Amino acid sequence: MSVYLKILGPGVVACAAELILVPLYTPSLHSKGRYGIPKIYSVVIFSNIIYSTLTLIGLGGKVGAARKKCIESAKKSDDEEAESRYSLPKMQAEGFSVEAKRFNCAQRGHQQALETYGSFVAMSIIGGLAVPLVTAGSGLLWSIARKKWAEGYATGDPQQRYATKWGIHVWTALGNVLVASLCTSLVVAEIL
């Protein structure tokens, strides 16, 4: 139960604060533009769609760089199978060498981001309609945390993905947009 509270709690507090305080103190932030969508929704599009896509492209580039580095390192270690072990289309390197483990960890840092990306984007698009500030902030948090999480993972020690204070926030950001999409459904149903 405490894990769910840690992941979802910040989103509940932030969404409640936005739904209560923004209309009281800065109602223009939620003013409607074309199609009845809040004008500030453009920030959601930038942070949760455009910037997060650039983040994934950057993570993919790091995997390509790790692949190249591991091939070179394995060749220096007289690994005759270096090209076939690390080259595309293989997603994971075979074997138990330090290079193979390091490459597989770098690949996993990118792959795990891809595994949750579809849900993140869908919930961001929905959540941003009712609580765009929380959703946009969560998009920035997601991108920063994903970069730090993948950097830790790429060390070759999977436990290092949580070594910085940012690592856990890949889940905080996902929890925030989950709560934001729930808030939107409650606003649409006129419960909130």
Protein backbone atom coordinates (compact mmCIF):
# COMPACT_ATOMS: atom_id res chain seq x y z
CA MET A 1 0.00 0.00 0.00
CA SER A 2 2.80 2.44 0.85
CA VAL A 3 4.34 2.03 -2.63
CA TYR A 4 1.07 3.19 -4.22
CA LEU A 5 0.91 6.11 -1.82
CA LYS A 6 4.47 7.15 -2.71
CA ILE A 7 3.74 6.95 -6.43
CA LEU A 8 0.21 8.37 -6.51
CA GLY A 9 0.22 10.67 -3.46
CA PRO A 10 2.17 13.55 -5.03
CA GLY A 11 -0.16 13.53 -8.04
CA VAL A 12 -3.27 13.62 -5.86
CA VAL A 13 -1.95 16.58 -3.88
CA ALA A 14 -0.72 18.46 -6.98
CA CYS A 15 -3.94 17.90 -8.96
CA ALA A 16 -6.10 18.95 -6.02
CA ALA A 17 -3.99 22.07 -5.58
CA GLU A 18 -4.28 22.97 -9.27
CA LEU A 19 -8.03 22.36 -9.38
CA ILE A 20 -8.62 24.47 -6.25
CA LEU A 21 -5.95 27.19 -6.31
CA VAL A 22 -5.58 28.08 -10.00
CA PRO A 23 -9.23 29.14 -10.43
CA LEU A 24 -8.95 31.25 -7.25
CA TYR A 25 -5.64 32.99 -7.84
CA THR A 26 -4.74 32.76 -11.55
CA PRO A 27 -7.88 31.84 -13.50
CA SER A 28 -6.32 33.01 -16.76
CA LEU A 29 -4.04 29.94 -16.69
CA HIS A 30 -7.06 27.74 -17.34
CA SER A 31 -8.74 30.11 -19.81
CA LYS A 32 -10.06 28.29 -22.84
CA GLY A 33 -8.67 28.71 -26.32
CA ARG A 34 -9.74 27.13 -29.55
CA TYR A 35 -11.80 23.98 -29.32
CA GLY A 36 -12.46 24.64 -25.63
CA ILE A 37 -8.97 23.46 -24.63
CA PRO A 38 -7.03 25.43 -22.00
CA LYS A 39 -4.50 27.76 -23.65
CA ILE A 40 -1.78 26.46 -21.34
CA TYR A 41 -2.31 22.99 -22.86
CA SER A 42 0.37 23.93 -25.39
CA VAL A 43 2.91 23.45 -22.59
CA VAL A 44 1.64 19.88 -22.16
CA ILE A 45 2.17 19.26 -25.87
CA PHE A 46 5.71 20.61 -25.64
CA SER A 47 6.85 18.89 -22.43
CA ASN A 48 4.96 15.61 -22.59
CA ILE A 49 4.97 14.93 -26.33
CA ILE A 50 7.79 16.85 -28.03
CA TYR A 51 10.40 16.97 -25.25
CA SER A 52 9.71 13.40 -24.13
CA THR A 53 10.13 12.21 -27.72
CA LEU A 54 13.47 14.01 -27.91
CA THR A 55 14.40 12.34 -24.62
CA LEU A 56 13.70 8.90 -26.10
CA ILE A 57 15.70 9.74 -29.22
CA GLY A 58 18.60 10.77 -26.99
CA LEU A 59 18.36 7.53 -25.00
CA GLY A 60 18.37 5.58 -28.26
CA GLY A 61 21.49 7.43 -29.34
CA LYS A 62 23.19 6.41 -26.10
CA VAL A 63 22.41 2.78 -26.87
CA GLY A 64 23.97 3.16 -30.32
CA ALA A 65 27.07 4.73 -28.76
CA ALA A 66 27.26 1.92 -26.18
CA ARG A 67 26.95 -0.66 -28.97
CA LYS A 68 29.87 0.91 -30.85
CA LYS A 69 31.99 1.23 -27.70
CA CYS A 70 31.36 -2.39 -26.72
CA ILE A 71 32.28 -3.66 -30.19
CA GLU A 72 35.56 -1.72 -30.06
CA SER A 73 36.32 -2.86 -26.52
CA ALA A 74 35.52 -6.50 -27.30
CA LYS A 75 37.73 -6.41 -30.39
CA LYS A 76 40.61 -5.06 -28.29
CA SER A 77 40.06 -8.03 -25.98
CA ASP A 78 40.44 -10.35 -29.01
CA ASP A 79 36.75 -11.27 -29.11
CA GLU A 80 36.40 -12.72 -32.60
CA GLU A 81 32.61 -12.63 -32.32
CA ALA A 82 32.42 -8.94 -31.33
CA GLU A 83 30.58 -7.78 -34.45
CA SER A 84 27.98 -10.53 -34.34
CA ARG A 85 27.61 -10.31 -30.55
CA TYR A 86 26.78 -6.59 -30.46
CA SER A 87 25.61 -5.62 -33.95
CA LEU A 88 22.05 -5.00 -35.02
CA PRO A 89 19.50 -6.56 -35.21
CA LYS A 90 20.37 -8.04 -31.80
CA MET A 91 18.80 -6.04 -29.00
CA GLN A 92 20.81 -7.77 -26.27
CA ALA A 93 24.43 -8.88 -26.29
CA GLU A 94 25.20 -12.53 -25.75
CA GLY A 95 27.63 -13.65 -23.11
CA PHE A 96 28.61 -12.59 -19.63
CA SER A 97 31.54 -10.27 -20.25
CA VAL A 98 31.75 -6.84 -18.65
CA GLU A 99 31.08 -5.31 -22.07
CA ALA A 100 27.99 -7.47 -22.63
CA LYS A 101 26.56 -6.60 -19.23
CA ARG A 102 27.24 -2.88 -19.68
CA PHE A 103 25.65 -2.88 -23.13
CA ASN A 104 22.62 -4.86 -21.97
CA CYS A 105 22.10 -2.42 -19.11
CA ALA A 106 22.32 0.59 -21.46
CA GLN A 107 19.83 -1.11 -23.78
CA ARG A 108 17.51 -1.91 -20.89
CA GLY A 109 17.51 1.73 -19.76
CA HIS A 110 16.11 2.72 -23.14
CA GLN A 111 13.79 -0.28 -23.52
CA GLN A 112 12.11 0.25 -20.17
CA ALA A 113 11.34 3.85 -21.10
CA LEU A 114 9.70 2.59 -24.30
CA GLU A 115 7.63 0.07 -22.33
CA THR A 116 5.87 2.79 -20.35
CA TYR A 117 5.89 5.55 -22.97
CA GLY A 118 2.57 4.74 -24.61
CA SER A 119 0.71 4.93 -21.31
CA PHE A 120 2.61 8.07 -20.31
CA VAL A 121 1.66 9.90 -23.52
CA ALA A 122 -1.98 8.75 -23.51
CA MET A 123 -2.50 9.77 -19.88
CA SER A 124 -0.69 13.08 -20.52
CA ILE A 125 -2.98 13.96 -23.42
CA ILE A 126 -6.03 13.24 -21.28
CA GLY A 127 -4.73 14.62 -17.98
CA GLY A 128 -3.60 17.88 -19.52
CA LEU A 129 -7.18 18.82 -20.36
CA ALA A 130 -8.14 19.30 -16.68
CA VAL A 131 -4.81 19.84 -14.93
CA PRO A 132 -2.34 21.11 -17.54
CA LEU A 133 0.19 22.55 -15.08
CA VAL A 134 0.59 19.29 -13.16
CA THR A 135 0.70 17.32 -16.38
CA ALA A 136 3.31 19.57 -18.03
CA GLY A 137 5.45 19.58 -14.89
CA SER A 138 5.24 15.81 -14.76
CA GLY A 139 6.39 15.66 -18.37
CA LEU A 140 9.53 17.62 -17.54
CA LEU A 141 10.07 15.46 -14.46
CA TRP A 142 9.64 12.29 -16.55
CA SER A 143 12.27 13.39 -19.09
CA ILE A 144 14.84 14.43 -16.48
CA ALA A 145 14.26 11.31 -14.40
CA ARG A 146 14.43 9.04 -17.47
CA LYS A 147 17.82 10.48 -18.44
CA LYS A 148 19.21 10.04 -14.91
CA TRP A 149 17.65 6.59 -14.55
CA ALA A 150 19.19 5.40 -17.84
CA GLU A 151 22.59 6.89 -16.95
CA GLY A 152 22.62 4.93 -13.72
CA TYR A 153 21.52 1.76 -15.47
CA ALA A 154 24.22 2.16 -18.17
CA THR A 155 26.97 1.80 -15.55
CA GLY A 156 26.49 -1.95 -15.81
CA ASP A 157 25.00 -2.23 -12.34
CA PRO A 158 21.18 -2.25 -12.57
CA GLN A 159 20.87 -1.06 -8.97
CA GLN A 160 22.50 2.24 -9.97
CA ARG A 161 19.33 3.29 -11.81
CA TYR A 162 18.03 4.45 -8.43
CA ALA A 163 21.37 5.80 -7.17
CA THR A 164 20.42 9.44 -7.72
CA LYS A 165 17.45 11.22 -6.20
CA TRP A 166 15.96 11.44 -9.72
CA GLY A 167 15.70 7.71 -10.48
CA ILE A 168 12.53 7.03 -8.50
CA HIS A 169 10.78 9.95 -10.17
CA VAL A 170 10.22 8.01 -13.40
CA TRP A 171 7.43 6.42 -11.34
CA THR A 172 6.35 9.68 -9.67
CA ALA A 173 5.86 11.30 -13.08
CA LEU A 174 3.92 8.30 -14.38
CA GLY A 175 1.77 8.30 -11.23
CA ASN A 176 1.14 12.02 -11.61
CA VAL A 177 -0.19 11.70 -15.15
CA LEU A 178 -2.28 8.70 -14.09
CA VAL A 179 -3.91 10.83 -11.39
CA ALA A 180 -4.22 13.75 -13.83
CA SER A 181 -6.11 11.56 -16.31
CA LEU A 182 -8.36 10.40 -13.48
CA CYS A 183 -8.99 14.06 -12.59
CA THR A 184 -9.97 14.75 -16.20
CA SER A 185 -12.44 11.87 -16.17
CA LEU A 186 -13.97 13.22 -12.96
CA VAL A 187 -14.17 16.75 -14.41
CA VAL A 188 -15.81 15.46 -17.60
CA ALA A 189 -18.31 13.50 -15.49
CA GLU A 190 -18.91 16.73 -13.51
CA ILE A 191 -17.98 15.03 -10.27
CA LEU A 192 -15.22 17.58 -9.66
